[in-house]
Protein backbone atom coordinates (compact mmCIF):
# COMPACT_ATOMS: atom_id res chain seq x y z
CA UNK A 1 -32.24 -139.82 111.16
CA UNK A 2 -31.83 -137.10 109.61
CA UNK A 3 -35.50 -134.85 110.50
CA UNK A 4 -34.62 -130.87 109.47
CA UNK A 5 -35.55 -131.69 105.09
CA UNK A 6 -34.11 -127.80 104.44
CA UNK A 7 -30.58 -129.24 104.49
CA UNK A 8 -29.90 -132.70 103.53
CA UNK A 9 -26.28 -132.18 104.93
CA UNK A 10 -26.38 -131.72 108.02
CA UNK A 11 -23.26 -129.44 109.53
CA UNK A 12 -22.42 -128.75 106.48
CA UNK A 13 -23.16 -126.52 103.46
CA UNK A 14 -22.18 -125.78 100.14
CA UNK A 15 -19.40 -123.74 99.06
CA UNK A 16 -17.48 -122.93 95.97
CA UNK A 17 -13.32 -122.77 95.65
CA UNK A 18 -11.66 -121.45 92.90
CA UNK A 19 -10.01 -123.40 90.37
CA UNK A 20 -7.09 -123.01 88.41
CA UNK A 21 -8.38 -119.53 86.29
CA UNK A 22 -10.23 -116.90 88.11
CA UNK A 23 -13.65 -118.25 86.03
CA UNK A 24 -13.98 -121.59 87.21
CA UNK A 25 -15.40 -122.29 90.96
CA UNK A 26 -15.49 -126.07 92.30
CA UNK A 27 -18.35 -127.21 94.04
CA UNK A 28 -17.61 -127.87 98.05
CA UNK A 29 -19.09 -128.89 101.07
CA UNK A 30 -17.73 -127.35 104.03
CA UNK A 31 -18.50 -129.79 107.45
CA UNK A 32 -18.36 -128.46 110.53
CA UNK A 33 -16.32 -131.03 112.95
CA UNK A 34 -17.26 -131.59 116.89
CA UNK A 35 -14.88 -130.95 119.21
CA UNK A 36 -12.15 -134.18 120.32
CA UNK A 37 -12.15 -134.85 123.82
CA UNK A 38 -8.23 -136.57 124.90
CA UNK A 39 -7.99 -139.15 127.95
CA UNK A 40 -7.45 -136.12 130.45
CA UNK A 41 -10.85 -134.34 129.76
CA UNK A 42 -9.28 -131.77 127.60
CA UNK A 43 -11.81 -130.85 124.56
CA UNK A 44 -9.76 -129.66 121.34
CA UNK A 45 -11.99 -127.73 118.67
CA UNK A 46 -11.32 -128.91 114.99
CA UNK A 47 -11.31 -127.12 111.57
CA UNK A 48 -13.94 -127.90 109.49
CA UNK A 49 -13.50 -130.76 106.72
CA UNK A 50 -13.93 -129.70 102.91
CA UNK A 51 -15.13 -132.30 99.94
CA UNK A 52 -16.04 -132.03 96.96
CA UNK A 53 -19.38 -132.10 96.29
CA UNK A 54 -20.74 -134.02 93.99
CA UNK A 55 -24.74 -133.07 93.72
CA UNK A 56 -24.36 -130.86 90.50
CA UNK A 57 -26.90 -128.44 90.21
CA UNK A 58 -29.07 -130.27 92.51
CA UNK A 59 -27.06 -129.35 95.34
CA UNK A 60 -27.40 -125.59 94.23
CA UNK A 61 -29.60 -123.77 97.03
CA UNK A 62 -30.83 -121.29 93.95
CA UNK A 63 -31.24 -124.45 91.10
CA UNK A 64 -34.81 -124.70 91.26
CA UNK A 65 -35.83 -127.36 88.59
CA UNK A 66 -38.15 -130.01 88.39
CA UNK A 67 -36.74 -133.65 88.06
CA UNK A 68 -39.73 -134.81 85.79
CA UNK A 69 -40.00 -131.77 83.32
CA UNK A 70 -36.34 -133.53 81.57
CA UNK A 71 -37.90 -136.78 81.15
CA UNK A 72 -40.33 -137.38 78.29
CA UNK A 73 -42.53 -140.20 80.19
CA UNK A 74 -45.84 -139.39 77.95
C-alpha cells in the first residue's frame, strides 16, 4: 500500500524526452530500480527504467484543474 499521497508512483519521476522534432516532448516515467543481489551475495546496481507516461496532463505537477469543472453535472 502506498502511504505517500504526494506521489502516486513512488520511486519514479515524470520526465520528458525530445520526440522526432525539437517541439515535441514525450512524457515518460523514470522508475528507480532496486539493486540486484547475486547468488554470491554481491550487489549490482540497476539503471533506471523509462516507460511511456499515459496519465496526460493529470501527471504534470503544474497542471491544476478540477475534474468536475470539465463535466456539466447540472
